[in-house]
Amino acid sequence: MATCEVCGNDYWMAFEVRTVSGDVHTFDSFECAAHKLAPICEHCQVKIIGHGVEVGGRFFCCAHCARAVEALGAEIRDAVGARPV
């Protein structure tokens, strides 16, 4: 069994998440994984569980939040499939 790094639950169905940077995390639920790894919207402070949007290297939960903070509305794009340059 493995122990969730967020809640400490020792669970036989725990799973690992490996990040791009090579870090390995162990969780017992998607809820704990999202709590630990999901980025936070820079406008409304919610966890970004869906695609979100990126403007100028900053992450937002939606285009509305991005436009509320960033003047670069034309640069709003879906983060799916985007790769850093």
N, C-alpha and C. Protein backbone atom coordinates (compact mmCIF):
# COMPACT_ATOMS: atom_id res chain seq x y z
N MET A 1 0.84 -1.18 0.00
CA MET A 1 0.00 0.00 0.00
C MET A 1 0.88 1.24 0.00
N ALA A 2 0.28 2.34 -0.41
CA ALA A 2 1.02 3.60 -0.45
C ALA A 2 0.22 4.67 0.28
N THR A 3 0.93 5.66 0.80
CA THR A 3 0.31 6.72 1.58
C THR A 3 0.16 7.99 0.74
N CYS A 4 -1.04 8.55 0.77
CA CYS A 4 -1.32 9.80 0.04
C CYS A 4 -0.54 10.93 0.69
N GLU A 5 0.17 11.72 -0.12
CA GLU A 5 0.99 12.80 0.43
C GLU A 5 0.16 14.00 0.87
N VAL A 6 -1.13 14.06 0.52
CA VAL A 6 -1.98 15.17 0.95
C VAL A 6 -2.71 14.83 2.24
N CYS A 7 -3.43 13.71 2.25
CA CYS A 7 -4.29 13.41 3.41
C CYS A 7 -3.71 12.34 4.34
N GLY A 8 -2.67 11.65 3.90
CA GLY A 8 -2.04 10.65 4.74
C GLY A 8 -2.72 9.29 4.75
N ASN A 9 -3.76 9.11 3.94
CA ASN A 9 -4.47 7.85 3.88
C ASN A 9 -3.59 6.77 3.27
N ASP A 10 -3.51 5.62 3.93
CA ASP A 10 -2.77 4.47 3.43
C ASP A 10 -3.76 3.61 2.66
N TYR A 11 -3.66 3.63 1.33
CA TYR A 11 -4.71 3.07 0.48
C TYR A 11 -4.14 2.12 -0.54
N TRP A 12 -4.76 0.96 -0.70
CA TRP A 12 -4.24 -0.05 -1.62
C TRP A 12 -4.39 0.35 -3.09
N MET A 13 -5.26 1.32 -3.40
CA MET A 13 -5.43 1.75 -4.78
C MET A 13 -4.81 3.14 -5.03
N ALA A 14 -3.85 3.52 -4.21
CA ALA A 14 -3.15 4.79 -4.41
C ALA A 14 -2.45 4.76 -5.77
N PHE A 15 -2.20 5.94 -6.33
CA PHE A 15 -1.56 6.02 -7.63
C PHE A 15 -0.49 7.10 -7.62
N GLU A 16 0.39 7.03 -8.60
CA GLU A 16 1.47 8.01 -8.73
C GLU A 16 1.20 8.94 -9.90
N VAL A 17 1.61 10.18 -9.75
CA VAL A 17 1.58 11.17 -10.82
C VAL A 17 3.02 11.65 -11.01
N ARG A 18 3.49 11.57 -12.24
CA ARG A 18 4.84 12.04 -12.57
C ARG A 18 4.71 13.33 -13.36
N THR A 19 5.40 14.37 -12.91
CA THR A 19 5.30 15.67 -13.57
C THR A 19 6.38 15.81 -14.63
N VAL A 20 6.25 16.83 -15.44
CA VAL A 20 7.22 17.11 -16.50
C VAL A 20 8.61 17.33 -15.91
N SER A 21 8.66 17.91 -14.72
CA SER A 21 9.96 18.18 -14.09
C SER A 21 10.59 16.94 -13.48
N GLY A 22 9.87 15.81 -13.51
CA GLY A 22 10.40 14.56 -12.98
C GLY A 22 9.97 14.24 -11.56
N ASP A 23 9.22 15.13 -10.93
CA ASP A 23 8.72 14.86 -9.58
C ASP A 23 7.69 13.74 -9.62
N VAL A 24 7.66 12.93 -8.57
CA VAL A 24 6.69 11.85 -8.45
C VAL A 24 5.86 12.09 -7.19
N HIS A 25 4.55 12.06 -7.33
CA HIS A 25 3.63 12.29 -6.22
C HIS A 25 2.72 11.09 -6.08
N THR A 26 2.33 10.76 -4.84
CA THR A 26 1.43 9.66 -4.57
C THR A 26 0.15 10.19 -3.94
N PHE A 27 -0.99 9.75 -4.51
CA PHE A 27 -2.29 10.21 -4.03
C PHE A 27 -3.25 9.04 -3.90
N ASP A 28 -4.26 9.22 -3.07
CA ASP A 28 -5.29 8.20 -2.93
C ASP A 28 -6.55 8.56 -3.69
N SER A 29 -6.63 9.79 -4.23
CA SER A 29 -7.82 10.23 -4.96
C SER A 29 -7.45 11.37 -5.91
N PHE A 30 -8.31 11.57 -6.91
CA PHE A 30 -8.11 12.70 -7.81
C PHE A 30 -8.29 14.02 -7.05
N GLU A 31 -9.14 14.00 -6.05
CA GLU A 31 -9.35 15.20 -5.23
C GLU A 31 -8.05 15.66 -4.59
N CYS A 32 -7.31 14.73 -4.01
CA CYS A 32 -6.03 15.09 -3.38
C CYS A 32 -5.01 15.51 -4.43
N ALA A 33 -5.00 14.83 -5.59
CA ALA A 33 -4.08 15.20 -6.66
C ALA A 33 -4.36 16.62 -7.14
N ALA A 34 -5.63 16.97 -7.34
CA ALA A 34 -5.99 18.31 -7.78
C ALA A 34 -5.62 19.34 -6.71
N HIS A 35 -5.86 19.00 -5.46
CA HIS A 35 -5.54 19.93 -4.37
C HIS A 35 -4.05 20.29 -4.38
N LYS A 36 -3.22 19.30 -4.63
CA LYS A 36 -1.77 19.51 -4.59
C LYS A 36 -1.21 20.10 -5.89
N LEU A 37 -1.71 19.66 -7.05
CA LEU A 37 -1.05 19.98 -8.31
C LEU A 37 -1.73 21.00 -9.20
N ALA A 38 -3.03 21.21 -9.04
CA ALA A 38 -3.74 22.12 -9.95
C ALA A 38 -3.28 23.56 -9.75
N PRO A 39 -3.06 24.27 -10.85
CA PRO A 39 -2.71 25.69 -10.73
C PRO A 39 -3.90 26.49 -10.21
N ILE A 40 -3.65 27.68 -9.73
CA ILE A 40 -4.69 28.54 -9.18
C ILE A 40 -4.90 29.72 -10.11
N CYS A 41 -6.18 30.03 -10.39
CA CYS A 41 -6.52 31.18 -11.24
C CYS A 41 -6.00 32.45 -10.58
N GLU A 42 -5.30 33.27 -11.37
CA GLU A 42 -4.73 34.49 -10.82
C GLU A 42 -5.76 35.59 -10.56
N HIS A 43 -6.99 35.38 -11.05
CA HIS A 43 -8.03 36.38 -10.80
C HIS A 43 -8.95 35.96 -9.65
N CYS A 44 -9.59 34.79 -9.78
CA CYS A 44 -10.60 34.40 -8.78
C CYS A 44 -10.09 33.39 -7.76
N GLN A 45 -8.87 32.91 -7.93
CA GLN A 45 -8.20 32.03 -6.97
C GLN A 45 -8.76 30.61 -6.88
N VAL A 46 -9.57 30.16 -7.86
CA VAL A 46 -10.05 28.77 -7.83
C VAL A 46 -9.00 27.86 -8.43
N LYS A 47 -9.04 26.60 -8.07
CA LYS A 47 -8.15 25.61 -8.68
C LYS A 47 -8.59 25.40 -10.12
N ILE A 48 -7.65 25.38 -11.04
CA ILE A 48 -7.95 25.18 -12.46
C ILE A 48 -7.91 23.69 -12.74
N ILE A 49 -9.09 23.09 -12.81
CA ILE A 49 -9.19 21.65 -13.04
C ILE A 49 -9.36 21.35 -14.52
N GLY A 50 -9.99 22.25 -15.25
CA GLY A 50 -10.19 22.08 -16.69
C GLY A 50 -9.02 22.64 -17.48
N HIS A 51 -9.28 23.02 -18.71
CA HIS A 51 -8.23 23.51 -19.60
C HIS A 51 -7.64 24.83 -19.16
N GLY A 52 -8.49 25.76 -18.75
CA GLY A 52 -7.99 27.08 -18.39
C GLY A 52 -7.43 27.81 -19.59
N VAL A 53 -6.95 29.02 -19.36
CA VAL A 53 -6.31 29.81 -20.41
C VAL A 53 -5.02 30.41 -19.87
N GLU A 54 -4.12 30.69 -20.80
CA GLU A 54 -2.83 31.27 -20.43
C GLU A 54 -2.64 32.58 -21.20
N VAL A 55 -2.26 33.61 -20.50
CA VAL A 55 -1.97 34.90 -21.13
C VAL A 55 -0.68 35.42 -20.50
N GLY A 56 0.30 35.66 -21.32
CA GLY A 56 1.56 36.21 -20.84
C GLY A 56 2.21 35.38 -19.75
N GLY A 57 2.07 34.05 -19.83
CA GLY A 57 2.68 33.18 -18.83
C GLY A 57 1.90 33.08 -17.53
N ARG A 58 0.71 33.68 -17.48
CA ARG A 58 -0.15 33.62 -16.29
C ARG A 58 -1.35 32.74 -16.61
N PHE A 59 -1.83 31.99 -15.63
CA PHE A 59 -2.92 31.04 -15.84
C PHE A 59 -4.21 31.52 -15.19
N PHE A 60 -5.31 31.31 -15.93
CA PHE A 60 -6.64 31.70 -15.48
C PHE A 60 -7.61 30.55 -15.74
N CYS A 61 -8.68 30.49 -14.95
CA CYS A 61 -9.65 29.41 -15.12
C CYS A 61 -10.49 29.59 -16.37
N CYS A 62 -10.64 30.81 -16.86
CA CYS A 62 -11.47 31.07 -18.04
C CYS A 62 -11.03 32.38 -18.70
N ALA A 63 -11.54 32.60 -19.92
CA ALA A 63 -11.21 33.83 -20.65
C ALA A 63 -11.73 35.06 -19.92
N HIS A 64 -12.88 34.95 -19.26
CA HIS A 64 -13.43 36.08 -18.52
C HIS A 64 -12.45 36.57 -17.45
N CYS A 65 -11.91 35.64 -16.66
CA CYS A 65 -10.94 36.02 -15.62
C CYS A 65 -9.67 36.60 -16.24
N ALA A 66 -9.23 36.02 -17.35
CA ALA A 66 -8.03 36.53 -18.01
C ALA A 66 -8.24 37.96 -18.48
N ARG A 67 -9.40 38.23 -19.08
CA ARG A 67 -9.68 39.59 -19.57
C ARG A 67 -9.84 40.58 -18.42
N ALA A 68 -10.27 40.11 -17.26
CA ALA A 68 -10.45 40.99 -16.11
C ALA A 68 -9.10 41.47 -15.57
N VAL A 69 -8.05 40.72 -15.82
CA VAL A 69 -6.73 41.04 -15.28
C VAL A 69 -5.76 41.52 -16.35
N GLU A 70 -5.80 40.90 -17.52
CA GLU A 70 -4.84 41.17 -18.59
C GLU A 70 -5.47 42.03 -19.69
N ALA A 71 -4.74 43.00 -20.17
CA ALA A 71 -5.21 43.82 -21.29
C ALA A 71 -4.96 43.13 -22.63
N LEU A 72 -4.23 42.04 -22.60
CA LEU A 72 -3.85 41.34 -23.83
C LEU A 72 -4.91 40.32 -24.24
N GLY A 73 -6.16 40.73 -24.35
CA GLY A 73 -7.26 39.83 -24.67
C GLY A 73 -7.07 39.04 -25.94
N ALA A 74 -6.42 39.62 -26.91
CA ALA A 74 -6.20 38.93 -28.19
C ALA A 74 -5.28 37.74 -28.03
N GLU A 75 -4.50 37.70 -26.98
CA GLU A 75 -3.55 36.60 -26.79
C GLU A 75 -4.14 35.44 -26.01
N ILE A 76 -5.40 35.53 -25.61
CA ILE A 76 -6.01 34.44 -24.86
C ILE A 76 -6.10 33.21 -25.74
N ARG A 77 -5.61 32.08 -25.24
CA ARG A 77 -5.65 30.84 -25.99
C ARG A 77 -5.88 29.68 -25.05
N ASP A 78 -6.41 28.62 -25.59
CA ASP A 78 -6.63 27.40 -24.83
C ASP A 78 -5.27 26.78 -24.54
N ALA A 79 -5.07 26.29 -23.33
CA ALA A 79 -3.77 25.73 -22.95
C ALA A 79 -3.59 24.29 -23.45
N VAL A 80 -4.64 23.66 -23.94
CA VAL A 80 -4.52 22.28 -24.39
C VAL A 80 -3.62 22.20 -25.61
N GLY A 81 -2.64 21.36 -25.53
CA GLY A 81 -1.72 21.17 -26.64
C GLY A 81 -0.64 22.22 -26.75
N ALA A 82 -0.72 23.25 -25.93
CA ALA A 82 0.30 24.30 -25.98
C ALA A 82 1.58 23.79 -25.33
N ARG A 83 2.67 24.12 -25.93
CA ARG A 83 3.96 23.73 -25.37
C ARG A 83 4.80 24.98 -25.18
N PRO A 84 5.51 25.06 -24.07
CA PRO A 84 6.36 26.24 -23.85
C PRO A 84 7.43 26.33 -24.93
N VAL A 85 7.76 27.54 -25.30
CA VAL A 85 8.76 27.74 -26.34
C VAL A 85 10.10 28.04 -25.69
